[in-house]
């Protein structure tokens, strides 16, 4: 339930968690079991480090979700996540195939791969954070006037 000073658009913080936490948890405890190609010791260590960082950011998102929209820390996390998801989306769109899974010949013919789907999901989250930012500007303006 949303609290006073909180927009329903804040669910974008929870969507971020839903997208990132499965990779974060599996990457911390069993990175070699992730369905990625050509994992060596170096990539496993980096994947574990990234997963730890991703889990930390998921915890920050969970803690920021119920906070009022005008708080600078929540807005700073949101803009950081917007930049992150936008860049990751671009990286995934341009990445060579590294997930050995296919949605079938029909989708492959249209170059719709797991990497593209994952990139789309990150792109939608980047757009979601921009929408949250713009949709909550009124909250910050009201608090500025009240102060």
C-alpha atoms as a PDB file:
ATOM      1  CA  UNK A   1       0.000   0.000   0.000  1.00  0.00           C
ATOM      2  CA  UNK A   2       1.399   3.371  -0.889  1.00  0.00           C
ATOM      3  CA  UNK A   3       2.037   5.912   1.836  1.00  0.00           C
ATOM      4  CA  UNK A   4       1.506   9.668   1.729  1.00  0.00           C
ATOM      5  CA  UNK A   5       4.225  11.192  -0.421  1.00  0.00           C
ATOM      6  CA  UNK A   6       4.723   7.950  -2.354  1.00  0.00           C
ATOM      7  CA  UNK A   7       3.700   7.398  -5.941  1.00  0.00           C
ATOM      8  CA  UNK A   8       2.483   4.089  -7.387  1.00  0.00           C
ATOM      9  CA  UNK A   9       5.286   4.604  -9.912  1.00  0.00           C
ATOM     10  CA  UNK A  10       7.675   3.515  -7.130  1.00  0.00           C
ATOM     11  CA  UNK A  11       6.920  -0.078  -8.082  1.00  0.00           C
ATOM     12  CA  UNK A  12       9.730   0.355 -10.612  1.00  0.00           C
ATOM     13  CA  UNK A  13      12.115  -0.197  -7.679  1.00  0.00           C
ATOM     14  CA  UNK A  14      10.477  -3.585  -7.056  1.00  0.00           C
ATOM     15  CA  UNK A  15      10.629  -4.429 -10.769  1.00  0.00           C
ATOM     16  CA  UNK A  16      14.363  -3.747 -10.654  1.00  0.00           C
ATOM     17  CA  UNK A  17      14.668  -6.276  -7.822  1.00  0.00           C
ATOM     18  CA  UNK A  18      12.603  -8.852  -9.727  1.00  0.00           C
ATOM     19  CA  UNK A  19      14.922  -8.582 -12.738  1.00  0.00           C
ATOM     20  CA  UNK A  20      18.238  -8.523 -10.900  1.00  0.00           C
ATOM     21  CA  UNK A  21      17.903 -10.721  -7.811  1.00  0.00           C
ATOM     22  CA  UNK A  22      17.769 -14.129  -9.564  1.00  0.00           C
ATOM     23  CA  UNK A  23      21.093 -13.501 -11.311  1.00  0.00           C
ATOM     24  CA  UNK A  24      22.553 -11.959  -8.151  1.00  0.00           C
ATOM     25  CA  UNK A  25      21.696 -14.933  -5.948  1.00  0.00           C
ATOM     26  CA  UNK A  26      22.760 -17.600  -8.426  1.00  0.00           C
ATOM     27  CA  UNK A  27      25.864 -15.606  -9.336  1.00  0.00           C
ATOM     28  CA  UNK A  28      26.963 -15.466  -5.707  1.00  0.00           C
ATOM     29  CA  UNK A  29      26.340 -19.098  -4.772  1.00  0.00           C
ATOM     30  CA  UNK A  30      26.741 -21.007  -8.052  1.00  0.00           C
ATOM     31  CA  UNK A  31      28.120 -18.805 -10.849  1.00  0.00           C
ATOM     32  CA  UNK A  32      29.364 -21.782 -12.872  1.00  0.00           C
ATOM     33  CA  UNK A  33      25.797 -23.089 -13.163  1.00  0.00           C
ATOM     34  CA  UNK A  34      24.581 -19.961 -14.973  1.00  0.00           C
ATOM     35  CA  UNK A  35      23.751 -20.660 -18.615  1.00  0.00           C
ATOM     36  CA  UNK A  36      26.540 -18.553 -20.099  1.00  0.00           C
ATOM     37  CA  UNK A  37      29.140 -19.613 -22.643  1.00  0.00           C
ATOM     38  CA  UNK A  38      32.897 -19.696 -22.059  1.00  0.00           C
ATOM     39  CA  UNK A  39      33.036 -19.145 -18.311  1.00  0.00           C
ATOM     40  CA  UNK A  40      36.611 -19.317 -17.047  1.00  0.00           C
ATOM     41  CA  UNK A  41      38.092 -18.532 -13.623  1.00  0.00           C
ATOM     42  CA  UNK A  42      38.405 -14.819 -14.364  1.00  0.00           C
ATOM     43  CA  UNK A  43      34.820 -14.437 -15.570  1.00  0.00           C
ATOM     44  CA  UNK A  44      33.551 -16.482 -12.613  1.00  0.00           C
ATOM     45  CA  UNK A  45      35.298 -14.151 -10.154  1.00  0.00           C
ATOM     46  CA  UNK A  46      34.003 -11.057 -11.972  1.00  0.00           C
ATOM     47  CA  UNK A  47      30.512 -12.567 -12.155  1.00  0.00           C
ATOM     48  CA  UNK A  48      30.603 -13.224  -8.419  1.00  0.00           C
ATOM     49  CA  UNK A  49      31.743  -9.653  -7.748  1.00  0.00           C
ATOM     50  CA  UNK A  50      29.021  -8.249 -10.040  1.00  0.00           C
ATOM     51  CA  UNK A  51      26.420 -10.469  -8.373  1.00  0.00           C
ATOM     52  CA  UNK A  52      27.417  -9.180  -4.952  1.00  0.00           C
ATOM     53  CA  UNK A  53      27.095  -5.604  -6.178  1.00  0.00           C
ATOM     54  CA  UNK A  54      23.729  -6.390  -7.804  1.00  0.00           C
ATOM     55  CA  UNK A  55      22.437  -7.924  -4.565  1.00  0.00           C
ATOM     56  CA  UNK A  56      23.524  -4.819  -2.660  1.00  0.00           C
ATOM     57  CA  UNK A  57      21.697  -2.562  -5.113  1.00  0.00           C
ATOM     58  CA  UNK A  58      18.592  -4.773  -4.809  1.00  0.00           C
ATOM     59  CA  UNK A  59      18.706  -4.278  -1.042  1.00  0.00           C
ATOM     60  CA  UNK A  60      19.059  -0.513  -1.543  1.00  0.00           C
ATOM     61  CA  UNK A  61      16.050  -0.571  -3.894  1.00  0.00           C
ATOM     62  CA  UNK A  62      13.985  -2.498  -1.354  1.00  0.00           C
ATOM     63  CA  UNK A  63      14.901  -0.010   1.361  1.00  0.00           C
ATOM     64  CA  UNK A  64      14.201   3.013  -0.891  1.00  0.00           C
ATOM     65  CA  UNK A  65      10.872   1.727  -2.237  1.00  0.00           C
ATOM     66  CA  UNK A  66       8.692   2.866   0.715  1.00  0.00           C
ATOM     67  CA  UNK A  67      10.464   6.212   1.176  1.00  0.00           C
ATOM     68  CA  UNK A  68       8.832   9.489   0.091  1.00  0.00           C
ATOM     69  CA  UNK A  69       9.572  10.495  -3.491  1.00  0.00           C
ATOM     70  CA  UNK A  70      11.207  13.813  -2.682  1.00  0.00           C
ATOM     71  CA  UNK A  71      14.135  12.405  -0.710  1.00  0.00           C
ATOM     72  CA  UNK A  72      17.441  13.081  -2.478  1.00  0.00           C
ATOM     73  CA  UNK A  73      18.804   9.584  -1.747  1.00  0.00           C
ATOM     74  CA  UNK A  74      15.851   7.893  -3.434  1.00  0.00           C
ATOM     75  CA  UNK A  75      16.129  10.195  -6.420  1.00  0.00           C
ATOM     76  CA  UNK A  76      19.892   9.602  -6.651  1.00  0.00           C
ATOM     77  CA  UNK A  77      19.402   5.818  -6.607  1.00  0.00           C
ATOM     78  CA  UNK A  78      16.702   6.130  -9.273  1.00  0.00           C
ATOM     79  CA  UNK A  79      18.859   8.154 -11.648  1.00  0.00           C
ATOM     80  CA  UNK A  80      21.746   5.736 -11.104  1.00  0.00           C
ATOM     81  CA  UNK A  81      19.483   2.793 -11.905  1.00  0.00           C
ATOM     82  CA  UNK A  82      18.153   4.606 -14.966  1.00  0.00           C
ATOM     83  CA  UNK A  83      21.676   5.047 -16.299  1.00  0.00           C
ATOM     84  CA  UNK A  84      22.589   1.438 -15.403  1.00  0.00           C
ATOM     85  CA  UNK A  85      19.565  -0.138 -17.101  1.00  0.00           C
ATOM     86  CA  UNK A  86      19.889   2.059 -20.183  1.00  0.00           C
ATOM     87  CA  UNK A  87      23.547   1.162 -20.691  1.00  0.00           C
ATOM     88  CA  UNK A  88      23.039  -2.549 -19.931  1.00  0.00           C
ATOM     89  CA  UNK A  89      20.207  -2.605 -22.458  1.00  0.00           C
ATOM     90  CA  UNK A  90      22.532  -1.252 -25.135  1.00  0.00           C
ATOM     91  CA  UNK A  91      25.305  -3.684 -24.162  1.00  0.00           C
ATOM     92  CA  UNK A  92      22.933  -6.654 -24.402  1.00  0.00           C
ATOM     93  CA  UNK A  93      21.537  -5.524 -27.764  1.00  0.00           C
ATOM     94  CA  UNK A  94      25.076  -5.360 -29.173  1.00  0.00           C
ATOM     95  CA  UNK A  95      26.423  -8.487 -27.453  1.00  0.00           C
ATOM     96  CA  UNK A  96      27.323 -11.615 -29.378  1.00  0.00           C
ATOM     97  CA  UNK A  97      25.395 -14.723 -28.398  1.00  0.00           C
ATOM     98  CA  UNK A  98      26.528 -15.848 -24.964  1.00  0.00           C
ATOM     99  CA  UNK A  99      23.413 -17.638 -23.706  1.00  0.00           C
ATOM    100  CA  UNK A 100      23.185 -21.136 -25.220  1.00  0.00           C
ATOM    101  CA  UNK A 101      19.393 -21.156 -25.360  1.00  0.00           C
ATOM    102  CA  UNK A 102      16.967 -20.515 -28.197  1.00  0.00           C
ATOM    103  CA  UNK A 103      13.311 -19.578 -28.406  1.00  0.00           C
ATOM    104  CA  UNK A 104      13.044 -21.677 -31.581  1.00  0.00           C
ATOM    105  CA  UNK A 105      13.639 -21.301 -35.305  1.00  0.00           C
ATOM    106  CA  UNK A 106      10.757 -18.855 -35.793  1.00  0.00           C
ATOM    107  CA  UNK A 107      12.149 -16.354 -33.281  1.00  0.00           C
ATOM    108  CA  UNK A 108      15.739 -16.945 -34.381  1.00  0.00           C
ATOM    109  CA  UNK A 109      14.697 -15.969 -37.923  1.00  0.00           C
ATOM    110  CA  UNK A 110      13.712 -12.573 -36.522  1.00  0.00           C
ATOM    111  CA  UNK A 111      16.894 -12.424 -34.410  1.00  0.00           C
ATOM    112  CA  UNK A 112      14.872 -12.574 -31.186  1.00  0.00           C
ATOM    113  CA  UNK A 113      17.296 -14.157 -28.735  1.00  0.00           C
ATOM    114  CA  UNK A 114      17.539 -14.375 -24.937  1.00  0.00           C
ATOM    115  CA  UNK A 115      20.105 -11.555 -25.054  1.00  0.00           C
ATOM    116  CA  UNK A 116      17.647  -9.315 -26.924  1.00  0.00           C
ATOM    117  CA  UNK A 117      14.821 -10.184 -24.504  1.00  0.00           C
ATOM    118  CA  UNK A 118      17.073  -9.438 -21.549  1.00  0.00           C
ATOM    119  CA  UNK A 119      18.103  -6.159 -23.207  1.00  0.00           C
ATOM    120  CA  UNK A 120      14.447  -5.220 -23.736  1.00  0.00           C
ATOM    121  CA  UNK A 121      13.672  -5.874 -20.086  1.00  0.00           C
ATOM    122  CA  UNK A 122      16.536  -3.604 -19.029  1.00  0.00           C
ATOM    123  CA  UNK A 123      15.404  -0.983 -21.539  1.00  0.00           C
ATOM    124  CA  UNK A 124      11.866  -1.013 -20.141  1.00  0.00           C
ATOM    125  CA  UNK A 125      13.257  -0.595 -16.629  1.00  0.00           C
ATOM    126  CA  UNK A 126      15.409   2.333 -17.772  1.00  0.00           C
ATOM    127  CA  UNK A 127      12.281   3.895 -19.253  1.00  0.00           C
ATOM    128  CA  UNK A 128      10.414   3.070 -16.042  1.00  0.00           C
ATOM    129  CA  UNK A 129      12.924   5.006 -13.969  1.00  0.00           C
ATOM    130  CA  UNK A 130      12.674   7.996 -16.324  1.00  0.00           C
ATOM    131  CA  UNK A 131       8.882   7.805 -15.981  1.00  0.00           C
ATOM    132  CA  UNK A 132       9.186   7.605 -12.189  1.00  0.00           C
ATOM    133  CA  UNK A 133      11.531  10.594 -12.192  1.00  0.00           C
ATOM    134  CA  UNK A 134       9.233  12.763 -14.300  1.00  0.00           C
ATOM    135  CA  UNK A 135       6.089  11.535 -12.567  1.00  0.00           C
ATOM    136  CA  UNK A 136       7.386  12.493  -9.126  1.00  0.00           C
ATOM    137  CA  UNK A 137       8.826  15.926  -9.880  1.00  0.00           C
ATOM    138  CA  UNK A 138       5.642  17.441  -8.421  1.00  0.00           C
ATOM    139  CA  UNK A 139       6.402  15.820  -5.048  1.00  0.00           C
ATOM    140  CA  UNK A 140       9.816  17.466  -4.895  1.00  0.00           C
ATOM    141  CA  UNK A 141       8.432  20.827  -6.001  1.00  0.00           C
ATOM    142  CA  UNK A 142       5.743  20.706  -3.308  1.00  0.00           C
ATOM    143  CA  UNK A 143       8.341  19.936  -0.643  1.00  0.00           C
ATOM    144  CA  UNK A 144      10.594  22.723  -1.902  1.00  0.00           C
ATOM    145  CA  UNK A 145       7.714  25.210  -1.629  1.00  0.00           C
ATOM    146  CA  UNK A 146       6.763  23.926   1.837  1.00  0.00           C
ATOM    147  CA  UNK A 147      10.295  24.369   3.192  1.00  0.00           C
END
